[in-house]
C-alpha cells in the first residue's frame, strides 16, 4: 500500500499563490506592446518595479506562513 504524501495546508497555499503569480507574469509578458512597460524598460526602471513586487510578494508569503503556524498552535492548544 502506497502512503500518501502529506503536504501541509500552508505549503499548498504557497504553491497556489506562486503558480498564480507565475501565470500573471506570463500573461503580462505575452503582450509586449504596453507603452508604460516599454518606457520602464527603456529607462531601466522595470527592475525597480520587479524588485518591489518581489519584496511585497515575499512579505505576504512570510506573513501567511507565520499566520499558519500560529493557527496550528492555537488548534493544538484547543484540542488538548
Protein backbone atom coordinates (compact mmCIF):
# COMPACT_ATOMS: atom_id res chain seq x y z
CA UNK A 1 0.00 0.00 0.00
CA UNK A 2 1.43 3.33 -1.03
CA UNK A 3 1.49 6.15 1.55
CA UNK A 4 0.01 9.47 0.55
CA UNK A 5 2.31 12.44 0.54
CA UNK A 6 1.19 14.78 3.30
CA UNK A 7 1.53 18.40 2.24
CA UNK A 8 0.64 20.99 4.83
CA UNK A 9 -2.10 23.50 4.21
CA UNK A 10 0.39 26.37 4.25
CA UNK A 11 2.54 24.76 1.59
CA UNK A 12 -0.50 24.16 -0.60
CA UNK A 13 -1.48 27.79 -0.23
CA UNK A 14 2.05 28.95 -1.01
CA UNK A 15 2.26 26.76 -4.12
CA UNK A 16 -1.12 28.01 -5.35
CA UNK A 17 -0.07 31.63 -4.90
CA UNK A 18 3.25 31.01 -6.67
CA UNK A 19 1.50 29.35 -9.62
CA UNK A 20 -1.00 32.20 -9.90
CA UNK A 21 1.83 34.74 -9.66
CA UNK A 22 3.82 32.98 -12.40
CA UNK A 23 0.71 32.84 -14.56
CA UNK A 24 0.11 36.55 -14.15
CA UNK A 25 3.73 37.31 -15.06
CA UNK A 26 3.46 35.18 -18.18
CA UNK A 27 0.25 36.94 -19.15
CA UNK A 28 1.89 40.33 -18.65
CA UNK A 29 4.92 39.36 -20.72
CA UNK A 30 2.76 37.94 -23.52
CA UNK A 31 1.68 41.44 -24.53
CA UNK A 32 4.88 43.44 -25.10
CA UNK A 33 3.00 46.40 -26.65
CA UNK A 34 2.28 48.10 -23.32
CA UNK A 35 3.64 51.65 -23.57
CA UNK A 36 4.27 52.08 -19.86
CA UNK A 37 6.30 48.86 -19.70
CA UNK A 38 8.29 49.94 -22.75
CA UNK A 39 9.10 53.24 -21.06
CA UNK A 40 10.13 51.48 -17.85
CA UNK A 41 12.33 49.07 -19.82
CA UNK A 42 13.93 51.89 -21.80
CA UNK A 43 14.73 53.86 -18.65
CA UNK A 44 15.82 50.78 -16.67
CA UNK A 45 13.07 51.25 -14.08
CA UNK A 46 11.45 47.90 -14.79
CA UNK A 47 13.96 46.28 -12.45
CA UNK A 48 12.80 48.53 -9.63
CA UNK A 49 9.20 47.54 -10.28
CA UNK A 50 10.08 43.83 -10.33
CA UNK A 51 12.15 44.19 -7.15
CA UNK A 52 9.33 45.96 -5.29
CA UNK A 53 6.79 43.37 -6.46
CA UNK A 54 9.09 40.55 -5.35
CA UNK A 55 9.62 42.13 -1.92
CA UNK A 56 5.88 42.60 -1.43
CA UNK A 57 5.19 39.03 -2.54
CA UNK A 58 7.88 37.66 -0.24
CA UNK A 59 6.50 39.69 2.67
CA UNK A 60 2.97 38.40 2.11
CA UNK A 61 4.22 34.80 1.80
CA UNK A 62 6.23 35.07 5.04
CA UNK A 63 3.25 36.59 6.81
CA UNK A 64 0.98 33.77 5.60
CA UNK A 65 3.43 31.13 6.86
CA UNK A 66 3.68 32.94 10.20
CA UNK A 67 -0.12 33.08 10.48
CA UNK A 68 -0.44 29.42 9.54
CA UNK A 69 1.99 28.41 12.28
CA UNK A 70 0.09 30.48 14.85
CA UNK A 71 -3.24 28.95 13.81
CA UNK A 72 -1.78 25.44 14.07
CA UNK A 73 -0.51 26.19 17.59
CA UNK A 74 -3.95 27.51 18.57
CA UNK A 75 -5.65 24.44 17.12
CA UNK A 76 -3.33 22.14 19.05
CA UNK A 77 -3.94 24.16 22.21
CA UNK A 78 -7.72 23.89 21.76
CA UNK A 79 -7.55 20.15 21.06
CA UNK A 80 -5.61 19.43 24.26
